[in-house]
Amino acid sequence: MGTLIAAVFAIALGEPTTVATDDAKVAELSRLESVWNAAHLRGDAEPLEPLWGDDLIVVVPKMPPMTKSEAIRFLRSGRMKFDRYETSDLTIRIYEGCAVVGGRLRRSRNLGGRVVDDDWRFTKVYVRSAEAWRVIAFHASESGQ
């Protein structure tokens, strides 16, 4: 939780860097978004474990907040299968040591034979460690469109 608070203060106090000067960081964050989406589509927790920070918090509609271990356990349970998991309208803002990625998430999931379509707006907070970018917060809400 301390990392999340530090990231929020860094975002609030820092100026975002210009995207044009951070092409490599933007490309890496875009790649990580693709890793996130593909892993969810396959129901594969392996690529997500190193991507998710140990203090990750996930907040999505109609579910209780989840920690990293709870989200990994839920994904591995196989209770939710995705037929579609696509993001669009991405915005990537890079700050010193952290980044905020937002956009639209459209997904179709199969819950016990019943197909449910979601249209969400999402925000992810990434923190840069010495090794790599880690997601420490994921929040989604109904798109309203």
N, C-alpha and C. Protein backbone atom coordinates (compact mmCIF):
# COMPACT_ATOMS: atom_id res chain seq x y z
N MET A 1 0.82 -1.18 0.00
CA MET A 1 0.00 0.00 0.00
C MET A 1 0.87 1.26 0.00
N GLY A 2 2.03 1.18 0.65
CA GLY A 2 2.93 2.33 0.67
C GLY A 2 3.39 2.71 -0.72
N THR A 3 3.65 1.73 -1.57
CA THR A 3 4.06 2.00 -2.94
C THR A 3 2.96 2.71 -3.70
N LEU A 4 1.71 2.30 -3.48
CA LEU A 4 0.59 2.95 -4.14
C LEU A 4 0.48 4.40 -3.72
N ILE A 5 0.62 4.67 -2.43
CA ILE A 5 0.55 6.05 -1.94
C ILE A 5 1.68 6.88 -2.53
N ALA A 6 2.88 6.33 -2.57
CA ALA A 6 4.01 7.05 -3.16
C ALA A 6 3.76 7.36 -4.64
N ALA A 7 3.18 6.40 -5.36
CA ALA A 7 2.89 6.62 -6.78
C ALA A 7 1.86 7.71 -6.96
N VAL A 8 0.83 7.72 -6.10
CA VAL A 8 -0.20 8.75 -6.21
C VAL A 8 0.40 10.12 -5.96
N PHE A 9 1.27 10.26 -4.95
CA PHE A 9 1.91 11.54 -4.71
C PHE A 9 2.83 11.95 -5.85
N ALA A 10 3.56 11.00 -6.41
CA ALA A 10 4.43 11.31 -7.54
C ALA A 10 3.62 11.82 -8.72
N ILE A 11 2.47 11.21 -8.95
CA ILE A 11 1.62 11.63 -10.05
C ILE A 11 1.06 13.00 -9.78
N ALA A 12 0.59 13.21 -8.55
CA ALA A 12 -0.03 14.49 -8.21
C ALA A 12 0.97 15.64 -8.24
N LEU A 13 2.20 15.37 -7.84
CA LEU A 13 3.19 16.44 -7.75
C LEU A 13 4.06 16.58 -8.99
N GLY A 14 4.17 15.53 -9.76
CA GLY A 14 5.07 15.55 -10.91
C GLY A 14 4.37 15.96 -12.18
N GLU A 15 5.15 16.40 -13.10
CA GLU A 15 4.65 16.70 -14.43
C GLU A 15 4.87 15.47 -15.29
N PRO A 16 3.90 15.11 -16.10
CA PRO A 16 4.13 13.97 -16.98
C PRO A 16 5.20 14.30 -17.99
N THR A 17 5.98 13.31 -18.33
CA THR A 17 6.97 13.53 -19.37
C THR A 17 6.25 13.52 -20.72
N THR A 18 6.84 14.14 -21.68
CA THR A 18 6.24 14.19 -23.00
C THR A 18 6.35 12.83 -23.65
N VAL A 19 5.25 12.35 -24.18
CA VAL A 19 5.23 11.02 -24.79
C VAL A 19 6.27 10.91 -25.89
N ALA A 20 6.46 11.95 -26.66
CA ALA A 20 7.40 11.90 -27.78
C ALA A 20 8.82 11.61 -27.31
N THR A 21 9.19 12.03 -26.10
CA THR A 21 10.55 11.79 -25.61
C THR A 21 10.68 10.45 -24.90
N ASP A 22 9.59 9.75 -24.75
CA ASP A 22 9.61 8.48 -24.04
C ASP A 22 9.11 7.34 -24.91
N ASP A 23 9.47 7.34 -26.17
CA ASP A 23 8.97 6.33 -27.09
C ASP A 23 9.27 4.91 -26.61
N ALA A 24 10.45 4.67 -26.06
CA ALA A 24 10.80 3.32 -25.61
C ALA A 24 9.93 2.91 -24.42
N LYS A 25 9.67 3.82 -23.50
CA LYS A 25 8.82 3.51 -22.35
C LYS A 25 7.38 3.28 -22.80
N VAL A 26 6.90 4.10 -23.70
CA VAL A 26 5.54 3.93 -24.22
C VAL A 26 5.42 2.59 -24.93
N ALA A 27 6.41 2.24 -25.72
CA ALA A 27 6.39 0.95 -26.42
C ALA A 27 6.38 -0.20 -25.42
N GLU A 28 7.18 -0.11 -24.36
CA GLU A 28 7.22 -1.18 -23.36
C GLU A 28 5.89 -1.27 -22.61
N LEU A 29 5.32 -0.16 -22.22
CA LEU A 29 4.03 -0.19 -21.53
C LEU A 29 2.93 -0.72 -22.46
N SER A 30 2.97 -0.37 -23.72
CA SER A 30 2.00 -0.90 -24.69
C SER A 30 2.16 -2.41 -24.82
N ARG A 31 3.40 -2.88 -24.83
CA ARG A 31 3.67 -4.32 -24.90
C ARG A 31 3.10 -5.02 -23.66
N LEU A 32 3.30 -4.41 -22.50
CA LEU A 32 2.79 -5.01 -21.26
C LEU A 32 1.27 -5.04 -21.23
N GLU A 33 0.63 -4.06 -21.85
CA GLU A 33 -0.82 -4.09 -21.98
C GLU A 33 -1.24 -5.29 -22.83
N SER A 34 -0.51 -5.58 -23.88
CA SER A 34 -0.80 -6.74 -24.72
C SER A 34 -0.59 -8.04 -23.95
N VAL A 35 0.46 -8.09 -23.13
CA VAL A 35 0.72 -9.27 -22.29
C VAL A 35 -0.45 -9.47 -21.33
N TRP A 36 -0.90 -8.40 -20.71
CA TRP A 36 -2.04 -8.45 -19.76
C TRP A 36 -3.28 -9.01 -20.46
N ASN A 37 -3.61 -8.44 -21.62
CA ASN A 37 -4.82 -8.86 -22.35
C ASN A 37 -4.74 -10.31 -22.78
N ALA A 38 -3.62 -10.70 -23.36
CA ALA A 38 -3.46 -12.08 -23.86
C ALA A 38 -3.53 -13.08 -22.71
N ALA A 39 -2.93 -12.76 -21.58
CA ALA A 39 -2.96 -13.67 -20.43
C ALA A 39 -4.39 -13.86 -19.92
N HIS A 40 -5.16 -12.78 -19.89
CA HIS A 40 -6.55 -12.91 -19.46
C HIS A 40 -7.36 -13.74 -20.46
N LEU A 41 -7.12 -13.51 -21.72
CA LEU A 41 -7.85 -14.24 -22.76
C LEU A 41 -7.57 -15.74 -22.67
N ARG A 42 -6.33 -16.09 -22.36
CA ARG A 42 -5.93 -17.51 -22.23
C ARG A 42 -6.20 -18.08 -20.84
N GLY A 43 -6.52 -17.21 -19.87
CA GLY A 43 -6.68 -17.68 -18.50
C GLY A 43 -5.36 -18.13 -17.90
N ASP A 44 -4.27 -17.46 -18.27
CA ASP A 44 -2.91 -17.85 -17.91
C ASP A 44 -2.33 -16.86 -16.90
N ALA A 45 -2.16 -17.27 -15.67
CA ALA A 45 -1.64 -16.40 -14.62
C ALA A 45 -0.12 -16.22 -14.70
N GLU A 46 0.58 -17.12 -15.35
CA GLU A 46 2.05 -17.09 -15.37
C GLU A 46 2.64 -15.75 -15.83
N PRO A 47 2.17 -15.18 -16.95
CA PRO A 47 2.76 -13.89 -17.38
C PRO A 47 2.37 -12.73 -16.46
N LEU A 48 1.30 -12.90 -15.69
CA LEU A 48 0.82 -11.80 -14.85
C LEU A 48 1.54 -11.73 -13.51
N GLU A 49 1.98 -12.86 -13.00
CA GLU A 49 2.64 -12.86 -11.68
C GLU A 49 3.82 -11.90 -11.61
N PRO A 50 4.74 -11.90 -12.59
CA PRO A 50 5.84 -10.94 -12.50
C PRO A 50 5.42 -9.51 -12.88
N LEU A 51 4.35 -9.37 -13.60
CA LEU A 51 3.86 -8.04 -14.01
C LEU A 51 3.16 -7.34 -12.85
N TRP A 52 2.52 -8.09 -12.00
CA TRP A 52 1.77 -7.51 -10.89
C TRP A 52 2.67 -7.32 -9.68
N GLY A 53 2.66 -6.11 -9.12
CA GLY A 53 3.41 -5.84 -7.90
C GLY A 53 2.82 -6.61 -6.74
N ASP A 54 3.64 -6.87 -5.73
CA ASP A 54 3.18 -7.63 -4.57
C ASP A 54 2.06 -6.92 -3.83
N ASP A 55 1.99 -5.59 -3.95
CA ASP A 55 0.95 -4.83 -3.26
C ASP A 55 -0.19 -4.42 -4.19
N LEU A 56 -0.36 -5.16 -5.28
CA LEU A 56 -1.43 -4.88 -6.23
C LEU A 56 -2.80 -4.87 -5.56
N ILE A 57 -3.64 -3.93 -5.99
CA ILE A 57 -5.04 -3.92 -5.61
C ILE A 57 -5.86 -3.82 -6.89
N VAL A 58 -6.85 -4.69 -7.02
CA VAL A 58 -7.71 -4.75 -8.20
C VAL A 58 -9.12 -4.40 -7.75
N VAL A 59 -9.71 -3.39 -8.41
CA VAL A 59 -11.08 -2.98 -8.10
C VAL A 59 -11.85 -2.96 -9.41
N VAL A 60 -12.83 -3.86 -9.52
CA VAL A 60 -13.64 -3.96 -10.73
C VAL A 60 -15.12 -4.06 -10.33
N PRO A 61 -16.02 -3.70 -11.25
CA PRO A 61 -17.45 -3.72 -10.92
C PRO A 61 -17.94 -5.10 -10.45
N LYS A 62 -18.82 -5.06 -9.48
CA LYS A 62 -19.56 -6.23 -8.99
C LYS A 62 -18.68 -7.31 -8.37
N MET A 63 -17.47 -6.91 -7.93
CA MET A 63 -16.59 -7.85 -7.23
C MET A 63 -15.93 -7.12 -6.07
N PRO A 64 -15.57 -7.84 -5.02
CA PRO A 64 -14.84 -7.18 -3.93
C PRO A 64 -13.42 -6.86 -4.39
N PRO A 65 -12.78 -5.86 -3.79
CA PRO A 65 -11.37 -5.59 -4.13
C PRO A 65 -10.53 -6.85 -3.90
N MET A 66 -9.52 -7.01 -4.76
CA MET A 66 -8.66 -8.19 -4.68
C MET A 66 -7.20 -7.78 -4.57
N THR A 67 -6.45 -8.56 -3.81
CA THR A 67 -5.01 -8.42 -3.75
C THR A 67 -4.40 -9.23 -4.90
N LYS A 68 -3.10 -9.17 -5.02
CA LYS A 68 -2.42 -9.96 -6.06
C LYS A 68 -2.71 -11.45 -5.88
N SER A 69 -2.53 -11.96 -4.68
CA SER A 69 -2.73 -13.40 -4.49
C SER A 69 -4.18 -13.80 -4.74
N GLU A 70 -5.13 -12.96 -4.36
CA GLU A 70 -6.54 -13.27 -4.62
C GLU A 70 -6.85 -13.24 -6.12
N ALA A 71 -6.29 -12.27 -6.84
CA ALA A 71 -6.53 -12.17 -8.28
C ALA A 71 -5.89 -13.35 -9.02
N ILE A 72 -4.69 -13.74 -8.62
CA ILE A 72 -4.03 -14.91 -9.23
C ILE A 72 -4.86 -16.16 -8.97
N ARG A 73 -5.29 -16.33 -7.74
CA ARG A 73 -6.09 -17.51 -7.37
C ARG A 73 -7.39 -17.54 -8.18
N PHE A 74 -8.04 -16.39 -8.33
CA PHE A 74 -9.29 -16.33 -9.09
C PHE A 74 -9.05 -16.68 -10.55
N LEU A 75 -7.99 -16.13 -11.16
CA LEU A 75 -7.69 -16.43 -12.56
C LEU A 75 -7.39 -17.92 -12.74
N ARG A 76 -6.64 -18.48 -11.82
CA ARG A 76 -6.30 -19.91 -11.92
C ARG A 76 -7.49 -20.82 -11.68
N SER A 77 -8.51 -20.35 -11.02
CA SER A 77 -9.66 -21.19 -10.71
C SER A 77 -10.40 -21.63 -11.96
N GLY A 78 -10.28 -20.86 -13.05
CA GLY A 78 -10.96 -21.18 -14.28
C GLY A 78 -12.45 -20.90 -14.25
N ARG A 79 -12.92 -20.24 -13.19
CA ARG A 79 -14.36 -19.94 -13.08
C ARG A 79 -14.83 -18.94 -14.11
N MET A 80 -13.90 -18.15 -14.64
CA MET A 80 -14.27 -17.16 -15.63
C MET A 80 -13.40 -17.34 -16.87
N LYS A 81 -14.03 -17.62 -17.98
CA LYS A 81 -13.32 -17.78 -19.26
C LYS A 81 -13.67 -16.60 -20.15
N PHE A 82 -12.66 -16.03 -20.77
CA PHE A 82 -12.88 -14.89 -21.66
C PHE A 82 -12.88 -15.34 -23.11
N ASP A 83 -13.87 -14.89 -23.86
CA ASP A 83 -13.91 -15.08 -25.30
C ASP A 83 -13.36 -13.84 -26.00
N ARG A 84 -13.38 -12.72 -25.30
CA ARG A 84 -12.89 -11.45 -25.82
C ARG A 84 -12.29 -10.66 -24.66
N TYR A 85 -11.13 -10.04 -24.91
CA TYR A 85 -10.50 -9.18 -23.91
C TYR A 85 -9.66 -8.18 -24.69
N GLU A 86 -10.26 -7.04 -25.02
CA GLU A 86 -9.63 -6.06 -25.91
C GLU A 86 -9.67 -4.67 -25.30
N THR A 87 -8.55 -3.97 -25.42
CA THR A 87 -8.50 -2.58 -24.98
C THR A 87 -8.36 -1.66 -26.18
N SER A 88 -8.84 -0.42 -25.98
CA SER A 88 -8.73 0.61 -27.01
C SER A 88 -8.65 1.96 -26.31
N ASP A 89 -8.50 2.99 -27.10
CA ASP A 89 -8.44 4.37 -26.59
C ASP A 89 -7.39 4.53 -25.48
N LEU A 90 -6.25 3.86 -25.64
CA LEU A 90 -5.22 3.91 -24.60
C LEU A 90 -4.61 5.30 -24.48
N THR A 91 -4.42 5.71 -23.24
CA THR A 91 -3.60 6.88 -22.93
C THR A 91 -2.52 6.40 -21.98
N ILE A 92 -1.31 6.84 -22.24
CA ILE A 92 -0.17 6.46 -21.41
C ILE A 92 0.51 7.74 -20.98
N ARG A 93 0.55 7.94 -19.66
CA ARG A 93 1.21 9.11 -19.10
C ARG A 93 2.35 8.62 -18.21
N ILE A 94 3.53 9.12 -18.50
CA ILE A 94 4.72 8.65 -17.80
C ILE A 94 5.21 9.76 -16.88
N TYR A 95 5.47 9.38 -15.63
CA TYR A 95 5.99 10.27 -14.61
C TYR A 95 7.30 9.68 -14.12
N GLU A 96 7.97 10.40 -13.26
CA GLU A 96 9.23 9.89 -12.74
C GLU A 96 8.96 8.65 -11.88
N GLY A 97 9.36 7.49 -12.37
CA GLY A 97 9.21 6.26 -11.62
C GLY A 97 7.86 5.58 -11.69
N CYS A 98 6.90 6.19 -12.38
CA CYS A 98 5.60 5.54 -12.49
C CYS A 98 4.91 5.96 -13.78
N ALA A 99 3.85 5.27 -14.10
CA ALA A 99 3.07 5.57 -15.30
C ALA A 99 1.61 5.25 -15.01
N VAL A 100 0.74 5.98 -15.69
CA VAL A 100 -0.68 5.73 -15.60
C VAL A 100 -1.17 5.38 -17.00
N VAL A 101 -1.82 4.23 -17.11
CA VAL A 101 -2.36 3.79 -18.39
C VAL A 101 -3.87 3.67 -18.23
N GLY A 102 -4.59 4.27 -19.15
CA GLY A 102 -6.04 4.20 -19.09
C GLY A 102 -6.61 3.92 -20.46
N GLY A 103 -7.87 3.55 -20.49
CA GLY A 103 -8.51 3.29 -21.77
C GLY A 103 -9.84 2.59 -21.58
N ARG A 104 -10.25 1.97 -22.63
CA ARG A 104 -11.51 1.25 -22.66
C ARG A 104 -11.22 -0.25 -22.76
N LEU A 105 -11.95 -1.03 -22.00
CA LEU A 105 -11.81 -2.49 -22.02
C LEU A 105 -13.15 -3.09 -22.37
N ARG A 106 -13.15 -3.86 -23.43
CA ARG A 106 -14.34 -4.62 -23.82
C ARG A 106 -13.98 -6.08 -23.72
N ARG A 107 -14.82 -6.80 -22.98
CA ARG A 107 -14.55 -8.21 -22.80
C ARG A 107 -15.87 -8.98 -22.76
N SER A 108 -15.78 -10.22 -23.19
CA SER A 108 -16.90 -11.15 -23.10
C SER A 108 -16.40 -12.32 -22.29
N ARG A 109 -17.21 -12.70 -21.31
CA ARG A 109 -16.79 -13.77 -20.42
C ARG A 109 -17.89 -14.80 -20.28
N ASN A 110 -17.47 -16.01 -20.04
CA ASN A 110 -18.40 -17.11 -19.89
C ASN A 110 -18.42 -17.52 -18.42
N LEU A 111 -19.56 -17.34 -17.80
CA LEU A 111 -19.73 -17.71 -16.40
C LEU A 111 -20.72 -18.86 -16.32
N GLY A 112 -20.20 -20.05 -16.25
CA GLY A 112 -21.07 -21.22 -16.15
C GLY A 112 -22.03 -21.38 -17.31
N GLY A 113 -21.57 -21.09 -18.52
CA GLY A 113 -22.41 -21.22 -19.70
C GLY A 113 -23.20 -19.98 -20.06
N ARG A 114 -23.12 -18.94 -19.23
CA ARG A 114 -23.82 -17.69 -19.50
C ARG A 114 -22.80 -16.64 -19.95
N VAL A 115 -23.00 -16.05 -21.14
CA VAL A 115 -22.07 -15.06 -21.68
C VAL A 115 -22.45 -13.68 -21.16
N VAL A 116 -21.45 -12.97 -20.64
CA VAL A 116 -21.63 -11.62 -20.12
C VAL A 116 -20.65 -10.71 -20.83
N ASP A 117 -21.16 -9.60 -21.37
CA ASP A 117 -20.32 -8.61 -22.03
C ASP A 117 -20.08 -7.44 -21.09
N ASP A 118 -18.83 -7.01 -21.00
CA ASP A 118 -18.46 -5.85 -20.19
C ASP A 118 -17.90 -4.77 -21.09
N ASP A 119 -18.23 -3.54 -20.79
CA ASP A 119 -17.68 -2.37 -21.48
C ASP A 119 -17.25 -1.42 -20.38
N TRP A 120 -15.95 -1.40 -20.11
CA TRP A 120 -15.41 -0.67 -18.97
C TRP A 120 -14.43 0.40 -19.41
N ARG A 121 -14.25 1.38 -18.56
CA ARG A 121 -13.11 2.31 -18.60
C ARG A 121 -12.18 1.85 -17.48
N PHE A 122 -10.88 1.85 -17.75
CA PHE A 122 -9.95 1.36 -16.75
C PHE A 122 -8.77 2.30 -16.57
N THR A 123 -8.15 2.17 -15.42
CA THR A 123 -6.92 2.89 -15.10
C THR A 123 -5.99 1.91 -14.41
N LYS A 124 -4.74 1.90 -14.85
CA LYS A 124 -3.70 1.10 -14.20
C LYS A 124 -2.58 2.04 -13.77
N VAL A 125 -2.03 1.76 -12.60
CA VAL A 125 -0.85 2.49 -12.14
C VAL A 125 0.32 1.51 -12.17
N TYR A 126 1.33 1.87 -12.93
CA TYR A 126 2.57 1.11 -13.01
C TYR A 126 3.65 1.83 -12.21
N VAL A 127 4.48 1.08 -11.51
CA VAL A 127 5.65 1.62 -10.84
C VAL A 127 6.87 0.95 -11.44
N ARG A 128 7.90 1.74 -11.67
CA ARG A 128 9.13 1.20 -12.25
C ARG A 128 10.08 0.80 -11.13
N SER A 129 10.40 -0.47 -11.06
CA SER A 129 11.41 -0.94 -10.11
C SER A 129 12.73 -1.04 -10.87
N ALA A 130 13.75 -1.47 -10.19
CA ALA A 130 15.05 -1.63 -10.86
C ALA A 130 14.98 -2.66 -11.97
N GLU A 131 14.07 -3.65 -11.81
CA GLU A 131 13.99 -4.74 -12.78
C GLU A 131 13.01 -4.46 -13.91
N ALA A 132 11.84 -3.91 -13.58
CA ALA A 132 10.79 -3.82 -14.61
C ALA A 132 9.63 -2.97 -14.11
N TRP A 133 8.68 -2.74 -15.01
CA TRP A 133 7.42 -2.10 -14.65
C TRP A 133 6.54 -3.11 -13.94
N ARG A 134 5.85 -2.67 -12.88
CA ARG A 134 4.92 -3.51 -12.12
C ARG A 134 3.60 -2.76 -11.96
N VAL A 135 2.49 -3.45 -12.16
CA VAL A 135 1.18 -2.85 -11.93
C VAL A 135 0.88 -2.95 -10.44
N ILE A 136 0.56 -1.80 -9.82
CA ILE A 136 0.23 -1.81 -8.39
C ILE A 136 -1.24 -1.48 -8.15
N ALA A 137 -1.94 -0.99 -9.19
CA ALA A 137 -3.36 -0.69 -9.03
C ALA A 137 -4.06 -0.84 -10.37
N PHE A 138 -5.22 -1.50 -10.33
CA PHE A 138 -6.08 -1.62 -11.51
C PHE A 138 -7.48 -1.31 -11.05
N HIS A 139 -8.09 -0.33 -11.70
CA HIS A 139 -9.46 0.04 -11.37
C HIS A 139 -10.25 0.10 -12.67
N ALA A 140 -11.44 -0.48 -12.65
CA ALA A 140 -12.32 -0.41 -13.80
C ALA A 140 -13.72 -0.03 -13.34
N SER A 141 -14.44 0.68 -14.23
CA SER A 141 -15.83 1.02 -13.95
C SER A 141 -16.60 0.92 -15.25
N GLU A 142 -17.91 0.81 -15.10
CA GLU A 142 -18.77 0.72 -16.28
C GLU A 142 -18.53 1.92 -17.20
N SER A 143 -18.46 1.67 -18.49
CA SER A 143 -18.17 2.72 -19.46
C SER A 143 -19.26 3.78 -19.54
N GLY A 144 -20.49 3.35 -19.47
CA GLY A 144 -21.58 4.28 -19.56
C GLY A 144 -21.91 4.69 -20.98
N GLN A 145 -21.32 4.02 -21.95
CA GLN A 145 -21.59 4.35 -23.35
C GLN A 145 -22.30 3.22 -24.02
